[in-house]
């Protein structure tokens, strides 16, 4: 769970999400993912509000299926089932210009809304195919020597795991991940989750914690996290003491076809923007 510094307990977080859905006007509707057990449990408790479910779950009102990836593209089908009429609508061979099952799931949520609002199948298809993405969500920042660099806001273990799985689905080479942990309190409360969320990265660099105004927590350091990642079986986890060292580290190990994915909610986005040019300068090649 996230944001327990605000909610205090997971029960309070659950109650807040339920209240959010039940505050939807009577003429509106909630769109809820049936793939998550917490959300599925909540669906049955929503009172006097229309709910449309989506996901890969066969019981979802709007279900994605037949997913496959080619490079940075996702291909999938969506089945829309009307509860009242029993009617089924098939949207086949949909294209989304970004990899990852989580992105397909998000697109399916958008399809659920679009269908409910009366958007045509052709408009939905065109909208997905032309989607330009969201800033700092697997954003391509440049290329060097056949190595592609991406910037992502992911700073929670669930997000990080999803992003790296998406990178793995779309990459023909190796995945080099760079993570700047965000807030000592988050790392402390989710330490074991952080230690196991980088498995899809062939190499992981962990930078110092971005404090975001917090005081350090004893025993919570990036060096300790690297040690725990290694003890959990990861073959190549390294501590990155300064971003200035990153271009040389990447240049030494990256090969054409590899992805470098920088993850975090702090100033790591600046590193991601600068890295392609820094690599070019280091190698003496023009960007």
Protein backbone atom coordinates (compact mmCIF):
# COMPACT_ATOMS: atom_id res chain seq x y z
CA UNK A 1 0.00 0.00 0.00
CA UNK A 2 1.03 3.58 -0.72
CA UNK A 3 0.46 6.89 1.09
CA UNK A 4 -0.10 5.35 4.51
CA UNK A 5 1.68 8.41 5.90
CA UNK A 6 -1.58 10.19 5.06
CA UNK A 7 -4.22 7.50 5.60
CA UNK A 8 -2.63 5.89 8.65
CA UNK A 9 -3.95 2.38 7.95
CA UNK A 10 -4.82 0.33 4.90
CA UNK A 11 -8.43 0.15 6.09
CA UNK A 12 -8.58 3.94 5.96
CA UNK A 13 -7.16 3.87 2.43
CA UNK A 14 -9.80 1.35 1.38
CA UNK A 15 -12.54 3.54 2.87
CA UNK A 16 -11.23 6.59 1.00
CA UNK A 17 -11.33 4.80 -2.36
CA UNK A 18 -14.83 3.49 -1.68
CA UNK A 19 -16.01 6.97 -0.71
CA UNK A 20 -14.45 8.38 -3.87
CA UNK A 21 -16.48 6.00 -6.06
CA UNK A 22 -19.68 6.50 -4.09
CA UNK A 23 -19.32 10.28 -4.45
CA UNK A 24 -19.71 9.97 -8.22
CA UNK A 25 -22.95 11.74 -9.29
CA UNK A 26 -25.98 9.50 -9.79
CA UNK A 27 -25.72 9.91 -13.55
CA UNK A 28 -22.05 8.89 -13.60
CA UNK A 29 -20.18 5.63 -13.24
CA UNK A 30 -17.04 4.15 -11.75
CA UNK A 31 -14.54 2.16 -13.83
CA UNK A 32 -12.80 -0.47 -11.70
CA UNK A 33 -10.11 -3.05 -12.47
CA UNK A 34 -11.26 -6.58 -11.74
CA UNK A 35 -7.71 -7.96 -11.93
CA UNK A 36 -6.81 -6.62 -8.48
CA UNK A 37 -8.30 -8.58 -5.56
CA UNK A 38 -8.69 -5.44 -3.43
CA UNK A 39 -10.64 -3.70 -6.17
CA UNK A 40 -12.73 -6.78 -6.89
CA UNK A 41 -13.64 -7.00 -3.21
CA UNK A 42 -14.61 -3.32 -3.24
CA UNK A 43 -16.88 -3.67 -6.28
CA UNK A 44 -19.39 -5.74 -4.31
CA UNK A 45 -19.57 -3.06 -1.61
CA UNK A 46 -20.30 -0.07 -3.85
CA UNK A 47 -23.86 1.05 -3.17
CA UNK A 48 -26.23 2.89 -5.51
CA UNK A 49 -23.61 3.70 -8.14
CA UNK A 50 -23.06 2.18 -11.55
CA UNK A 51 -19.76 0.33 -11.88
CA UNK A 52 -18.12 -0.88 -15.10
CA UNK A 53 -15.37 -3.45 -14.59
CA UNK A 54 -12.38 -3.99 -16.85
CA UNK A 55 -9.22 -6.07 -17.01
CA UNK A 56 -7.90 -9.41 -18.18
CA UNK A 57 -10.27 -11.17 -15.78
CA UNK A 58 -12.79 -13.24 -17.80
CA UNK A 59 -15.58 -11.79 -15.63
CA UNK A 60 -14.81 -8.17 -16.53
CA UNK A 61 -17.36 -6.11 -18.47
CA UNK A 62 -14.56 -4.85 -20.72
CA UNK A 63 -11.87 -7.48 -21.11
CA UNK A 64 -8.54 -7.39 -22.94
CA UNK A 65 -7.10 -10.59 -24.43
CA UNK A 66 -4.72 -11.99 -27.06
CA UNK A 67 -1.96 -9.60 -26.02
CA UNK A 68 1.42 -9.63 -27.72
CA UNK A 69 4.28 -7.18 -28.09
CA UNK A 70 6.57 -6.23 -30.95
CA UNK A 71 9.23 -3.72 -30.03
CA UNK A 72 7.53 -0.69 -28.51
CA UNK A 73 4.09 -1.71 -29.81
CA UNK A 74 1.33 -3.57 -27.98
CA UNK A 75 -1.31 -5.53 -29.90
CA UNK A 76 -4.50 -6.82 -28.30
CA UNK A 77 -8.22 -7.47 -28.61
CA UNK A 78 -10.99 -6.17 -26.36
CA UNK A 79 -14.36 -7.75 -25.65
CA UNK A 80 -17.16 -5.50 -24.35
CA UNK A 81 -20.14 -7.21 -22.73
CA UNK A 82 -23.40 -5.43 -21.91
CA UNK A 83 -24.89 -6.73 -18.68
CA UNK A 84 -28.47 -5.70 -19.42
CA UNK A 85 -28.73 -6.93 -23.01
CA UNK A 86 -26.09 -9.66 -23.06
CA UNK A 87 -24.69 -8.09 -26.23
CA UNK A 88 -20.98 -8.61 -26.94
CA UNK A 89 -18.85 -6.21 -28.98
CA UNK A 90 -15.42 -7.29 -30.25
CA UNK A 91 -12.64 -4.79 -30.93
CA UNK A 92 -9.94 -6.81 -32.67
CA UNK A 93 -6.33 -6.02 -33.60
CA UNK A 94 -5.99 -2.87 -31.50
CA UNK A 95 -2.60 -1.15 -31.54
CA UNK A 96 -1.02 0.88 -28.74
CA UNK A 97 2.39 2.55 -29.35
CA UNK A 98 3.87 1.54 -26.00
CA UNK A 99 4.76 -1.82 -24.49
CA UNK A 100 3.56 -3.40 -21.28
CA UNK A 101 0.54 -5.26 -19.99
CA UNK A 102 -0.15 -2.44 -17.54
CA UNK A 103 -0.44 -0.02 -20.47
CA UNK A 104 -2.83 -2.40 -22.22
CA UNK A 105 -4.86 -2.52 -19.01
CA UNK A 106 -4.93 1.28 -18.80
CA UNK A 107 -5.99 1.47 -22.44
CA UNK A 108 -8.81 -0.96 -21.72
CA UNK A 109 -10.05 1.34 -18.95
CA UNK A 110 -10.09 4.19 -21.47
CA UNK A 111 -12.01 1.99 -23.91
CA UNK A 112 -14.57 1.25 -21.18
CA UNK A 113 -15.16 4.99 -20.71
CA UNK A 114 -15.20 5.69 -24.45
CA UNK A 115 -17.73 2.93 -25.09
CA UNK A 116 -19.97 4.19 -22.31
CA UNK A 117 -19.86 7.73 -23.74
CA UNK A 118 -20.81 6.53 -27.20
CA UNK A 119 -17.50 6.87 -29.03
CA UNK A 120 -17.32 4.85 -32.23
CA UNK A 121 -15.08 1.82 -32.62
CA UNK A 122 -13.15 3.55 -35.40
CA UNK A 123 -12.49 6.60 -33.21
CA UNK A 124 -11.34 4.38 -30.35
CA UNK A 125 -8.99 2.51 -32.67
CA UNK A 126 -7.50 5.73 -34.07
CA UNK A 127 -7.17 7.27 -30.63
CA UNK A 128 -5.19 4.34 -29.28
CA UNK A 129 -2.93 4.07 -32.33
CA UNK A 130 -2.12 7.79 -32.15
CA UNK A 131 -1.64 8.02 -28.40
CA UNK A 132 1.54 9.93 -27.62
CA UNK A 133 1.93 8.73 -24.06
CA UNK A 134 2.14 10.57 -20.76
CA UNK A 135 5.18 12.59 -19.79
CA UNK A 136 7.62 10.67 -17.60
CA UNK A 137 5.89 7.35 -18.25
CA UNK A 138 8.39 5.34 -20.28
CA UNK A 139 9.33 8.50 -22.16
CA UNK A 140 12.01 8.04 -24.82
CA UNK A 141 14.76 10.63 -24.29
CA UNK A 142 17.27 9.64 -26.94
CA UNK A 143 19.54 7.01 -28.43
CA UNK A 144 23.27 6.38 -28.41
CA UNK A 145 25.05 3.65 -30.36
CA UNK A 146 21.81 1.69 -30.75
CA UNK A 147 21.04 2.00 -27.03
CA UNK A 148 17.67 3.58 -26.22
CA UNK A 149 17.19 5.67 -23.06
CA UNK A 150 13.85 6.04 -21.25
CA UNK A 151 12.62 8.20 -18.38
CA UNK A 152 9.90 6.94 -16.03
CA UNK A 153 8.27 8.36 -12.90
CA UNK A 154 7.97 4.91 -11.29
CA UNK A 155 9.00 5.11 -7.64
CA UNK A 156 6.85 2.41 -6.02
CA UNK A 157 7.86 -1.28 -6.32
CA UNK A 158 4.64 -2.20 -8.13
CA UNK A 159 5.21 0.57 -10.69
CA UNK A 160 8.88 -0.31 -11.11
CA UNK A 161 8.11 -3.98 -11.65
CA UNK A 162 5.48 -3.14 -14.28
CA UNK A 163 7.78 -0.74 -16.15
CA UNK A 164 10.67 -3.19 -16.25
CA UNK A 165 8.36 -5.99 -17.40
CA UNK A 166 7.17 -3.69 -20.20
CA UNK A 167 10.78 -2.94 -21.11
CA UNK A 168 11.55 -6.66 -21.15
CA UNK A 169 8.58 -7.30 -23.44
CA UNK A 170 9.73 -4.67 -25.91
CA UNK A 171 13.52 -4.97 -25.78
CA UNK A 172 15.60 -7.37 -27.85
CA UNK A 173 18.74 -6.71 -25.81
CA UNK A 174 19.51 -6.18 -22.15
CA UNK A 175 17.77 -3.94 -19.63
CA UNK A 176 19.92 -1.52 -17.64
CA UNK A 177 17.85 0.11 -14.89
CA UNK A 178 18.79 3.15 -12.82
CA UNK A 179 16.67 3.94 -9.78
CA UNK A 180 16.70 6.92 -7.44
CA UNK A 181 14.68 5.90 -4.34
CA UNK A 182 12.21 8.59 -3.29
CA UNK A 183 11.72 9.34 0.42
CA UNK A 184 13.33 7.44 3.28
CA UNK A 185 9.91 6.59 4.72
CA UNK A 186 8.83 4.86 1.49
CA UNK A 187 12.03 2.83 1.25
CA UNK A 188 11.75 1.85 4.92
CA UNK A 189 8.13 0.69 4.71
CA UNK A 190 8.57 -1.14 1.39
CA UNK A 191 12.18 -2.30 1.74
CA UNK A 192 11.57 -5.97 0.91
CA UNK A 193 9.33 -5.04 -2.02
CA UNK A 194 12.06 -2.78 -3.41
CA UNK A 195 14.58 -5.58 -2.99
CA UNK A 196 12.62 -7.87 -5.31
CA UNK A 197 11.15 -5.54 -7.95
CA UNK A 198 14.20 -5.28 -10.23
CA UNK A 199 14.33 -8.87 -11.49
CA UNK A 200 13.61 -7.89 -15.10
CA UNK A 201 16.69 -5.64 -15.16
CA UNK A 202 19.95 -7.31 -16.16
CA UNK A 203 21.83 -4.56 -14.34
CA UNK A 204 20.43 -2.22 -11.69
CA UNK A 205 22.10 0.95 -10.43
CA UNK A 206 20.71 2.36 -7.18
CA UNK A 207 21.41 6.05 -6.54
CA UNK A 208 21.28 7.78 -3.13
CA UNK A 209 17.81 8.33 -1.69
CA UNK A 210 16.06 11.53 -2.81
CA UNK A 211 14.91 12.81 0.57
CA UNK A 212 12.09 15.11 -0.64
CA UNK A 213 12.40 17.06 2.61
CA UNK A 214 12.56 14.05 4.93
CA UNK A 215 15.22 13.34 7.51
CA UNK A 216 17.30 10.18 7.01
CA UNK A 217 16.08 6.98 8.65
CA UNK A 218 18.69 4.89 10.42
CA UNK A 219 19.58 1.78 8.46
CA UNK A 220 17.74 2.93 5.34
CA UNK A 221 20.34 3.64 2.67
CA UNK A 222 20.82 2.83 -0.97
CA UNK A 223 23.91 0.82 -0.09
CA UNK A 224 21.79 -1.37 2.19
CA UNK A 225 19.21 -1.76 -0.54
CA UNK A 226 21.87 -2.85 -3.05
CA UNK A 227 23.14 -5.39 -0.54
CA UNK A 228 19.63 -6.78 -0.04
CA UNK A 229 19.00 -6.95 -3.80
CA UNK A 230 22.20 -8.95 -4.20
CA UNK A 231 21.46 -11.28 -1.30
CA UNK A 232 18.07 -11.96 -2.88
CA UNK A 233 19.78 -13.40 -5.93
CA UNK A 234 20.18 -10.50 -8.37
CA UNK A 235 23.33 -10.99 -10.41
CA UNK A 236 24.29 -7.37 -11.04
CA UNK A 237 23.16 -4.69 -8.59
CA UNK A 238 25.42 -1.67 -8.04
CA UNK A 239 25.46 1.49 -5.96
CA UNK A 240 25.64 4.71 -7.99
CA UNK A 241 27.26 7.27 -5.71
CA UNK A 242 26.83 10.20 -8.11
CA UNK A 243 25.00 10.78 -11.41
CA UNK A 244 28.25 12.11 -12.87
CA UNK A 245 29.53 8.54 -12.98
CA UNK A 246 26.51 7.15 -14.83
CA UNK A 247 27.56 7.83 -18.46
CA UNK A 248 30.85 5.99 -18.04
CA UNK A 249 29.17 3.05 -16.32
CA UNK A 250 26.55 2.75 -19.06
CA UNK A 251 29.07 3.18 -21.88
CA UNK A 252 31.13 0.33 -20.44
CA UNK A 253 28.33 -2.23 -20.50
CA UNK A 254 25.62 -1.14 -22.96
CA UNK A 255 25.36 -2.77 -26.38
CA UNK A 256 23.22 -1.97 -29.42
CA UNK A 257 19.65 -3.11 -28.77
CA UNK A 258 19.81 -2.47 -25.02
CA UNK A 259 17.42 -0.26 -23.06
CA UNK A 260 18.49 2.09 -20.26
CA UNK A 261 15.50 2.86 -18.04
CA UNK A 262 15.79 5.59 -15.39
CA UNK A 263 13.14 5.41 -12.67
CA UNK A 264 12.19 7.76 -9.87
CA UNK A 265 10.16 10.76 -8.74
CA UNK A 266 13.11 12.99 -7.88
CA UNK A 267 15.60 14.81 -10.09
CA UNK A 268 16.57 11.61 -11.92
CA UNK A 269 14.47 12.89 -14.82
CA UNK A 270 17.27 15.39 -15.48
CA UNK A 271 19.76 12.54 -15.71
CA UNK A 272 17.53 10.75 -18.21
CA UNK A 273 17.29 13.83 -20.40
CA UNK A 274 21.05 14.38 -20.33
CA UNK A 275 22.28 10.79 -20.65
CA UNK A 276 22.11 10.34 -24.46
CA UNK A 277 24.15 13.51 -25.04
CA UNK A 278 26.54 12.65 -22.21
CA UNK A 279 27.15 9.23 -23.75
CA UNK A 280 27.76 10.79 -27.16
CA UNK A 281 30.19 13.31 -25.66
CA UNK A 282 31.98 10.55 -23.79
CA UNK A 283 32.44 8.48 -26.92
CA UNK A 284 33.34 11.46 -29.07
CA UNK A 285 30.35 10.87 -31.35
CA UNK A 286 27.75 13.46 -32.25
CA UNK A 287 24.22 12.89 -30.97
